[in-house]
PDB file of N, CA and C in Angstrom:
ATOM      1  N   MET A   1       0.841  -1.176   0.000  1.00  0.00           N
ATOM      2  CA  MET A   1       0.000   0.000   0.000  1.00  0.00           C
ATOM      3  C   MET A   1       0.889   1.243   0.000  1.00  0.00           C
ATOM      4  N   THR A   2       0.637   2.106  -0.910  1.00  0.00           N
ATOM      5  CA  THR A   2       1.406   3.340  -1.034  1.00  0.00           C
ATOM      6  C   THR A   2       0.677   4.451  -0.294  1.00  0.00           C
ATOM      7  N   GLU A   3       1.420   5.131   0.574  1.00  0.00           N
ATOM      8  CA  GLU A   3       0.780   6.229   1.289  1.00  0.00           C
ATOM      9  C   GLU A   3       0.816   7.489   0.449  1.00  0.00           C
ATOM     10  N   THR A   4      -0.179   8.315   0.635  1.00  0.00           N
ATOM     11  CA  THR A   4      -0.260   9.549  -0.125  1.00  0.00           C
ATOM     12  C   THR A   4       0.678  10.579   0.484  1.00  0.00           C
ATOM     13  N   ARG A   5       0.847  11.638  -0.252  1.00  0.00           N
ATOM     14  CA  ARG A   5       1.696  12.741   0.207  1.00  0.00           C
ATOM     15  C   ARG A   5       1.172  13.294   1.538  1.00  0.00           C
ATOM     16  N   GLU A   6      -0.129  13.467   1.618  1.00  0.00           N
ATOM     17  CA  GLU A   6      -0.774  14.001   2.823  1.00  0.00           C
ATOM     18  C   GLU A   6      -0.541  13.084   4.022  1.00  0.00           C
ATOM     19  N   GLU A   7      -0.657  11.766   3.804  1.00  0.00           N
ATOM     20  CA  GLU A   7      -0.425  10.810   4.889  1.00  0.00           C
ATOM     21  C   GLU A   7       1.019  10.866   5.367  1.00  0.00           C
ATOM     22  N   TRP A   8       1.965  10.997   4.421  1.00  0.00           N
ATOM     23  CA  TRP A   8       3.378  11.075   4.788  1.00  0.00           C
ATOM     24  C   TRP A   8       3.635  12.295   5.665  1.00  0.00           C
ATOM     25  N   ILE A   9       3.080  13.437   5.261  1.00  0.00           N
ATOM     26  CA  ILE A   9       3.268  14.675   6.019  1.00  0.00           C
ATOM     27  C   ILE A   9       2.653  14.533   7.408  1.00  0.00           C
ATOM     28  N   LYS A  10       1.473  13.931   7.475  1.00  0.00           N
ATOM     29  CA  LYS A  10       0.792  13.739   8.757  1.00  0.00           C
ATOM     30  C   LYS A  10       1.628  12.880   9.707  1.00  0.00           C
ATOM     31  N   LYS A  11       2.170  11.766   9.187  1.00  0.00           N
ATOM     32  CA  LYS A  11       2.986  10.888  10.017  1.00  0.00           C
ATOM     33  C   LYS A  11       4.277  11.571  10.461  1.00  0.00           C
ATOM     34  N   ARG A  12       4.892  12.327   9.556  1.00  0.00           N
ATOM     35  CA  ARG A  12       6.145  13.020   9.891  1.00  0.00           C
ATOM     36  C   ARG A  12       5.893  14.120  10.922  1.00  0.00           C
ATOM     37  N   ALA A  13       4.800  14.865  10.769  1.00  0.00           N
ATOM     38  CA  ALA A  13       4.469  15.910  11.739  1.00  0.00           C
ATOM     39  C   ALA A  13       4.233  15.294  13.124  1.00  0.00           C
ATOM     40  N   TYR A  14       3.572  14.155  13.164  1.00  0.00           N
ATOM     41  CA  TYR A  14       3.334  13.468  14.430  1.00  0.00           C
ATOM     42  C   TYR A  14       4.650  13.028  15.061  1.00  0.00           C
ATOM     43  N   ALA A  15       5.559  12.509  14.242  1.00  0.00           N
ATOM     44  CA  ALA A  15       6.863  12.077  14.755  1.00  0.00           C
ATOM     45  C   ALA A  15       7.650  13.267  15.310  1.00  0.00           C
ATOM     46  N   LEU A  16       7.588  14.409  14.627  1.00  0.00           N
ATOM     47  CA  LEU A  16       8.273  15.608  15.114  1.00  0.00           C
ATOM     48  C   LEU A  16       7.691  16.056  16.453  1.00  0.00           C
ATOM     49  N   TRP A  17       6.374  15.981  16.573  1.00  0.00           N
ATOM     50  CA  TRP A  17       5.691  16.354  17.813  1.00  0.00           C
ATOM     51  C   TRP A  17       6.146  15.457  18.959  1.00  0.00           C
ATOM     52  N   GLU A  18       6.231  14.150  18.689  1.00  0.00           N
ATOM     53  CA  GLU A  18       6.687  13.218  19.723  1.00  0.00           C
ATOM     54  C   GLU A  18       8.152  13.458  20.093  1.00  0.00           C
ATOM     55  N   GLU A  19       8.995  13.723  19.096  1.00  0.00           N
ATOM     56  CA  GLU A  19      10.414  13.971  19.351  1.00  0.00           C
ATOM     57  C   GLU A  19      10.633  15.181  20.245  1.00  0.00           C
ATOM     58  N   GLU A  20       9.739  16.162  20.149  1.00  0.00           N
ATOM     59  CA  GLU A  20       9.864  17.377  20.958  1.00  0.00           C
ATOM     60  C   GLU A  20       9.188  17.249  22.318  1.00  0.00           C
ATOM     61  N   GLY A  21       8.705  16.058  22.646  1.00  0.00           N
ATOM     62  CA  GLY A  21       8.090  15.858  23.951  1.00  0.00           C
ATOM     63  C   GLY A  21       6.614  16.203  23.996  1.00  0.00           C
ATOM     64  N   ARG A  22       5.956  16.168  22.864  1.00  0.00           N
ATOM     65  CA  ARG A  22       4.522  16.410  22.742  1.00  0.00           C
ATOM     66  C   ARG A  22       4.083  17.774  23.283  1.00  0.00           C
ATOM     67  N   PRO A  23       4.722  18.845  22.827  1.00  0.00           N
ATOM     68  CA  PRO A  23       4.336  20.174  23.323  1.00  0.00           C
ATOM     69  C   PRO A  23       2.992  20.622  22.758  1.00  0.00           C
ATOM     70  N   ALA A  24       2.270  21.380  23.551  1.00  0.00           N
ATOM     71  CA  ALA A  24       0.969  21.906  23.110  1.00  0.00           C
ATOM     72  C   ALA A  24       1.190  23.148  22.249  1.00  0.00           C
ATOM     73  N   GLY A  25       0.340  23.322  21.251  1.00  0.00           N
ATOM     74  CA  GLY A  25       0.362  24.530  20.444  1.00  0.00           C
ATOM     75  C   GLY A  25       1.438  24.599  19.371  1.00  0.00           C
ATOM     76  N   ARG A  26       2.108  23.499  19.062  1.00  0.00           N
ATOM     77  CA  ARG A  26       3.165  23.510  18.045  1.00  0.00           C
ATOM     78  C   ARG A  26       2.762  22.704  16.816  1.00  0.00           C
ATOM     79  N   ASP A  27       1.488  22.376  16.701  1.00  0.00           N
ATOM     80  CA  ASP A  27       1.045  21.528  15.599  1.00  0.00           C
ATOM     81  C   ASP A  27       1.286  22.156  14.237  1.00  0.00           C
ATOM     82  N   PHE A  28       1.044  23.445  14.109  1.00  0.00           N
ATOM     83  CA  PHE A  28       1.256  24.107  12.823  1.00  0.00           C
ATOM     84  C   PHE A  28       2.744  24.102  12.448  1.00  0.00           C
ATOM     85  N   ALA A  29       3.615  24.359  13.424  1.00  0.00           N
ATOM     86  CA  ALA A  29       5.061  24.363  13.160  1.00  0.00           C
ATOM     87  C   ALA A  29       5.534  22.978  12.723  1.00  0.00           C
ATOM     88  N   HIS A  30       5.006  21.936  13.355  1.00  0.00           N
ATOM     89  CA  HIS A  30       5.394  20.573  12.980  1.00  0.00           C
ATOM     90  C   HIS A  30       4.878  20.232  11.587  1.00  0.00           C
ATOM     91  N   TRP A  31       3.669  20.663  11.276  1.00  0.00           N
ATOM     92  CA  TRP A  31       3.091  20.402   9.954  1.00  0.00           C
ATOM     93  C   TRP A  31       3.918  21.108   8.881  1.00  0.00           C
ATOM     94  N   GLU A  32       4.274  22.366   9.134  1.00  0.00           N
ATOM     95  CA  GLU A  32       5.063  23.118   8.163  1.00  0.00           C
ATOM     96  C   GLU A  32       6.447  22.491   7.956  1.00  0.00           C
ATOM     97  N   GLN A  33       7.064  22.043   9.037  1.00  0.00           N
ATOM     98  CA  GLN A  33       8.375  21.403   8.918  1.00  0.00           C
ATOM     99  C   GLN A  33       8.265  20.104   8.124  1.00  0.00           C
ATOM    100  N   ALA A  34       7.250  19.310   8.405  1.00  0.00           N
ATOM    101  CA  ALA A  34       7.043  18.057   7.677  1.00  0.00           C
ATOM    102  C   ALA A  34       6.773  18.328   6.201  1.00  0.00           C
ATOM    103  N   HIS A  35       5.996  19.354   5.926  1.00  0.00           N
ATOM    104  CA  HIS A  35       5.694  19.733   4.546  1.00  0.00           C
ATOM    105  C   HIS A  35       6.969  20.138   3.814  1.00  0.00           C
ATOM    106  N   ALA A  36       7.813  20.939   4.466  1.00  0.00           N
ATOM    107  CA  ALA A  36       9.071  21.378   3.858  1.00  0.00           C
ATOM    108  C   ALA A  36      10.003  20.194   3.614  1.00  0.00           C
ATOM    109  N   GLU A  37      10.046  19.261   4.563  1.00  0.00           N
ATOM    110  CA  GLU A  37      10.882  18.068   4.394  1.00  0.00           C
ATOM    111  C   GLU A  37      10.403  17.232   3.212  1.00  0.00           C
ATOM    112  N   ARG A  38       9.094  17.117   3.049  1.00  0.00           N
ATOM    113  CA  ARG A  38       8.548  16.341   1.935  1.00  0.00           C
ATOM    114  C   ARG A  38       8.895  16.995   0.600  1.00  0.00           C
ATOM    115  N   GLN A  39       8.781  18.319   0.542  1.00  0.00           N
ATOM    116  CA  GLN A  39       9.123  19.022  -0.694  1.00  0.00           C
ATOM    117  C   GLN A  39      10.601  18.830  -1.031  1.00  0.00           C
ATOM    118  N   ALA A  40      11.457  18.918  -0.020  1.00  0.00           N
ATOM    119  CA  ALA A  40      12.888  18.722  -0.249  1.00  0.00           C
ATOM    120  C   ALA A  40      13.163  17.297  -0.720  1.00  0.00           C
ATOM    121  N   LEU A  41      12.473  16.355  -0.131  1.00  0.00           N
ATOM    122  CA  LEU A  41      12.644  14.948  -0.506  1.00  0.00           C
ATOM    123  C   LEU A  41      12.190  14.702  -1.940  1.00  0.00           C
ATOM    124  N   GLU A  42      11.082  15.329  -2.332  1.00  0.00           N
ATOM    125  CA  GLU A  42      10.589  15.166  -3.698  1.00  0.00           C
ATOM    126  C   GLU A  42      11.516  15.810  -4.719  1.00  0.00           C
ATOM    127  N   GLY A  43      12.234  16.837  -4.317  1.00  0.00           N
ATOM    128  CA  GLY A  43      13.152  17.511  -5.219  1.00  0.00           C
ATOM    129  C   GLY A  43      14.529  16.880  -5.272  1.00  0.00           C
ATOM    130  N   SER A  44      14.764  15.887  -4.420  1.00  0.00           N
ATOM    131  CA  SER A  44      16.076  15.243  -4.398  1.00  0.00           C
ATOM    132  C   SER A  44      16.031  13.935  -5.179  1.00  0.00           C
ATOM    133  N   ALA A  45      17.149  13.255  -5.173  1.00  0.00           N
ATOM    134  CA  ALA A  45      17.224  11.971  -5.873  1.00  0.00           C
ATOM    135  C   ALA A  45      16.972  10.815  -4.905  1.00  0.00           C
ATOM    136  N   ALA A  46      16.486  11.108  -3.702  1.00  0.00           N
ATOM    137  CA  ALA A  46      16.223  10.054  -2.726  1.00  0.00           C
ATOM    138  C   ALA A  46      14.833   9.481  -2.934  1.00  0.00           C
ATOM    139  N   SER A  47      14.664   8.240  -2.503  1.00  0.00           N
ATOM    140  CA  SER A  47      13.332   7.651  -2.553  1.00  0.00           C
ATOM    141  C   SER A  47      12.488   8.295  -1.460  1.00  0.00           C
ATOM    142  N   LEU A  48      11.193   8.162  -1.546  1.00  0.00           N
ATOM    143  CA  LEU A  48      10.315   8.829  -0.589  1.00  0.00           C
ATOM    144  C   LEU A  48      10.478   8.319   0.838  1.00  0.00           C
ATOM    145  N   ASP A  49      10.966   7.089   0.999  1.00  0.00           N
ATOM    146  CA  ASP A  49      11.213   6.613   2.354  1.00  0.00           C
ATOM    147  C   ASP A  49      12.629   6.952   2.823  1.00  0.00           C
ATOM    148  N   GLY A  50      13.427   7.537   1.933  1.00  0.00           N
ATOM    149  CA  GLY A  50      14.769   7.983   2.293  1.00  0.00           C
ATOM    150  C   GLY A  50      15.797   6.885   2.393  1.00  0.00           C
ATOM    151  N   LYS A  51      15.451   5.687   1.980  1.00  0.00           N
ATOM    152  CA  LYS A  51      16.357   4.549   2.145  1.00  0.00           C
ATOM    153  C   LYS A  51      17.277   4.306   0.953  1.00  0.00           C
ATOM    154  N   GLU A  52      16.958   4.873  -0.181  1.00  0.00           N
ATOM    155  CA  GLU A  52      17.798   4.650  -1.353  1.00  0.00           C
ATOM    156  C   GLU A  52      17.800   5.882  -2.246  1.00  0.00           C
ATOM    157  N   VAL A  53      18.793   5.930  -3.094  1.00  0.00           N
ATOM    158  CA  VAL A  53      18.905   7.036  -4.043  1.00  0.00           C
ATOM    159  C   VAL A  53      18.424   6.547  -5.396  1.00  0.00           C
ATOM    160  N   LYS A  54      17.515   7.294  -5.967  1.00  0.00           N
ATOM    161  CA  LYS A  54      16.998   6.946  -7.282  1.00  0.00           C
ATOM    162  C   LYS A  54      17.973   7.431  -8.348  1.00  0.00           C
ATOM    163  N   THR A  55      18.023   6.720  -9.426  1.00  0.00           N
ATOM    164  CA  THR A  55      18.819   7.193 -10.551  1.00  0.00           C
ATOM    165  C   THR A  55      17.903   7.987 -11.459  1.00  0.00           C
ATOM    166  N   ARG A  56      18.406   9.101 -11.921  1.00  0.00           N
ATOM    167  CA  ARG A  56      17.608   9.938 -12.801  1.00  0.00           C
ATOM    168  C   ARG A  56      18.005   9.666 -14.237  1.00  0.00           C
ATOM    169  N   LYS A  57      17.013   9.561 -15.083  1.00  0.00           N
ATOM    170  CA  LYS A  57      17.279   9.327 -16.491  1.00  0.00           C
ATOM    171  C   LYS A  57      17.682  10.633 -17.136  1.00  0.00           C
ATOM    172  N   ARG A  58      18.720  10.566 -17.929  1.00  0.00           N
ATOM    173  CA  ARG A  58      19.164  11.742 -18.674  1.00  0.00           C
ATOM    174  C   ARG A  58      18.689  11.599 -20.098  1.00  0.00           C
ATOM    175  N   THR A  59      18.104  12.654 -20.579  1.00  0.00           N
ATOM    176  CA  THR A  59      17.676  12.641 -21.965  1.00  0.00           C
ATOM    177  C   THR A  59      18.613  13.535 -22.751  1.00  0.00           C
ATOM    178  N   ALA A  60      19.019  13.060 -23.882  1.00  0.00           N
ATOM    179  CA  ALA A  60      19.923  13.831 -24.722  1.00  0.00           C
ATOM    180  C   ALA A  60      19.128  14.855 -25.501  1.00  0.00           C
ATOM    181  N   SER A  61      19.574  16.081 -25.420  1.00  0.00           N
ATOM    182  CA  SER A  61      18.905  17.128 -26.183  1.00  0.00           C
ATOM    183  C   SER A  61      19.490  17.147 -27.591  1.00  0.00           C
ATOM    184  N   PRO A  62      18.773  17.685 -28.546  1.00  0.00           N
ATOM    185  CA  PRO A  62      19.276  17.711 -29.921  1.00  0.00           C
ATOM    186  C   PRO A  62      20.586  18.480 -30.043  1.00  0.00           C
ATOM    187  N   LYS A  63      20.813  19.434 -29.171  1.00  0.00           N
ATOM    188  CA  LYS A  63      22.029  20.232 -29.232  1.00  0.00           C
ATOM    189  C   LYS A  63      23.054  19.798 -28.190  1.00  0.00           C
ATOM    190  N   ALA A  64      22.966  18.567 -27.719  1.00  0.00           N
ATOM    191  CA  ALA A  64      23.846  18.100 -26.654  1.00  0.00           C
ATOM    192  C   ALA A  64      25.321  18.185 -27.038  1.00  0.00           C
ATOM    193  N   SER A  65      25.630  17.927 -28.295  1.00  0.00           N
ATOM    194  CA  SER A  65      27.036  17.936 -28.689  1.00  0.00           C
ATOM    195  C   SER A  65      27.597  19.346 -28.809  1.00  0.00           C
ATOM    196  N   THR A  66      26.743  20.332 -29.034  1.00  0.00           N
ATOM    197  CA  THR A  66      27.233  21.695 -29.172  1.00  0.00           C
ATOM    198  C   THR A  66      26.963  22.544 -27.938  1.00  0.00           C
ATOM    199  N   ALA A  67      26.358  21.949 -26.922  1.00  0.00           N
ATOM    200  CA  ALA A  67      26.014  22.712 -25.722  1.00  0.00           C
ATOM    201  C   ALA A  67      27.275  23.044 -24.921  1.00  0.00           C
ATOM    202  N   THR A  68      27.247  24.185 -24.290  1.00  0.00           N
ATOM    203  CA  THR A  68      28.360  24.573 -23.433  1.00  0.00           C
ATOM    204  C   THR A  68      28.190  23.915 -22.082  1.00  0.00           C
ATOM    205  N   PRO A  69      29.275  23.666 -21.353  1.00  0.00           N
ATOM    206  CA  PRO A  69      29.161  23.018 -20.053  1.00  0.00           C
ATOM    207  C   PRO A  69      28.428  23.924 -19.065  1.00  0.00           C
ATOM    208  N   LYS A  70      27.673  23.296 -18.174  1.00  0.00           N
ATOM    209  CA  LYS A  70      26.931  24.054 -17.176  1.00  0.00           C
ATOM    210  C   LYS A  70      27.879  24.496 -16.062  1.00  0.00           C
ATOM    211  N   THR A  71      27.637  25.697 -15.563  1.00  0.00           N
ATOM    212  CA  THR A  71      28.511  26.238 -14.519  1.00  0.00           C
ATOM    213  C   THR A  71      27.770  26.448 -13.216  1.00  0.00           C
ATOM    214  N   ASN A  72      26.556  25.925 -13.097  1.00  0.00           N
ATOM    215  CA  ASN A  72      25.744  26.064 -11.892  1.00  0.00           C
ATOM    216  C   ASN A  72      25.562  27.514 -11.495  1.00  0.00           C
ATOM    217  N   GLY A  73      25.385  28.376 -12.461  1.00  0.00           N
ATOM    218  CA  GLY A  73      25.121  29.767 -12.185  1.00  0.00           C
ATOM    219  C   GLY A  73      26.366  30.613 -11.982  1.00  0.00           C
ATOM    220  N   ALA A  74      27.522  29.987 -11.913  1.00  0.00           N
ATOM    221  CA  ALA A  74      28.750  30.745 -11.713  1.00  0.00           C
ATOM    222  C   ALA A  74      29.177  31.356 -13.045  1.00  0.00           C
ATOM    223  N   VAL A  75      29.697  32.545 -12.963  1.00  0.00           N
ATOM    224  CA  VAL A  75      30.162  33.218 -14.165  1.00  0.00           C
ATOM    225  C   VAL A  75      31.646  32.929 -14.312  1.00  0.00           C
ATOM    226  N   LYS A  76      31.994  32.418 -15.449  1.00  0.00           N
ATOM    227  CA  LYS A  76      33.392  32.077 -15.693  1.00  0.00           C
ATOM    228  C   LYS A  76      34.082  33.288 -16.308  1.00  0.00           C
ATOM    229  N   ALA A  77      35.169  33.673 -15.694  1.00  0.00           N
ATOM    230  CA  ALA A  77      35.924  34.808 -16.212  1.00  0.00           C
ATOM    231  C   ALA A  77      36.696  34.371 -17.447  1.00  0.00           C
ATOM    232  N   VAL A  78      36.629  35.173 -18.469  1.00  0.00           N
ATOM    233  CA  VAL A  78      37.331  34.868 -19.708  1.00  0.00           C
ATOM    234  C   VAL A  78      38.520  35.802 -19.805  1.00  0.00           C
ATOM    235  N   ALA A  79      39.691  35.220 -19.994  1.00  0.00           N
ATOM    236  CA  ALA A  79      40.908  36.027 -20.106  1.00  0.00           C
ATOM    237  C   ALA A  79      40.926  36.729 -21.456  1.00  0.00           C
ATOM    238  N   PRO A  80      41.404  37.969 -21.484  1.00  0.00           N
ATOM    239  CA  PRO A  80      41.471  38.675 -22.770  1.00  0.00           C
ATOM    240  C   PRO A  80      42.471  37.991 -23.701  1.00  0.00           C
ATOM    241  N   LYS A  81      42.199  38.101 -24.988  1.00  0.00           N
ATOM    242  CA  LYS A  81      43.096  37.492 -25.967  1.00  0.00           C
ATOM    243  C   LYS A  81      44.402  38.270 -26.001  1.00  0.00           C
ATOM    244  N   LYS A  82      45.470  37.515 -26.099  1.00  0.00           N
ATOM    245  CA  LYS A  82      46.783  38.147 -26.191  1.00  0.00           C
ATOM    246  C   LYS A  82      47.076  38.451 -27.653  1.00  0.00           C
ATOM    247  N   THR A  83      47.542  39.625 -27.881  1.00  0.00           N
ATOM    248  CA  THR A  83      47.913  40.009 -29.240  1.00  0.00           C
ATOM    249  C   THR A  83      49.398  40.247 -29.297  1.00  0.00           C
ATOM    250  N   ALA A  84      49.946  40.120 -30.463  1.00  0.00           N
ATOM    251  CA  ALA A  84      51.376  40.367 -30.617  1.00  0.00           C
ATOM    252  C   ALA A  84      51.610  41.859 -30.437  1.00  0.00           C
ATOM    253  N   SER A  85      52.536  42.172 -29.584  1.00  0.00           N
ATOM    254  CA  SER A  85      52.806  43.595 -29.343  1.00  0.00           C
ATOM    255  C   SER A  85      53.855  44.092 -30.346  1.00  0.00           C
ATOM    256  N   ARG A  86      53.680  45.303 -30.761  1.00  0.00           N
ATOM    257  CA  ARG A  86      54.644  45.901 -31.685  1.00  0.00           C
ATOM    258  C   ARG A  86      55.616  46.752 -30.894  1.00  0.00           C
ATOM    259  N   LYS A  87      56.825  46.648 -31.261  1.00  0.00           N
ATOM    260  CA  LYS A  87      57.837  47.496 -30.624  1.00  0.00           C
ATOM    261  C   LYS A  87      57.900  48.791 -31.400  1.00  0.00           C
ATOM    262  N   SER A  88      57.787  49.894 -30.707  1.00  0.00           N
ATOM    263  CA  SER A  88      57.906  51.158 -31.396  1.00  0.00           C
ATOM    264  C   SER A  88      59.362  51.573 -31.419  1.00  0.00           C
ATOM    265  N   ALA A  89      59.720  52.201 -32.490  1.00  0.00           N
ATOM    266  CA  ALA A  89      61.108  52.589 -32.664  1.00  0.00           C
ATOM    267  C   ALA A  89      61.404  53.922 -32.058  1.00  0.00           C
TER     268      ALA A  89
END
């Protein structure tokens, strides 16, 4: 049986509540934390139970051979071209 996203969040929020000693009035904070953890888990390469890493399929784009390498948002500094200097007389 596969649990739904809502059930996973509910169980995780309950576990967080128990871990904190069952404090009163923190239900919304636990729900929000569980929700954020689920979103992070869905965006990662981990399985939903966190026990294994899924492999992601890579699809080749039509321009894969001419594409420039990804820099993860970093700007690569390009050195200026060197030209032959002329000696003045």
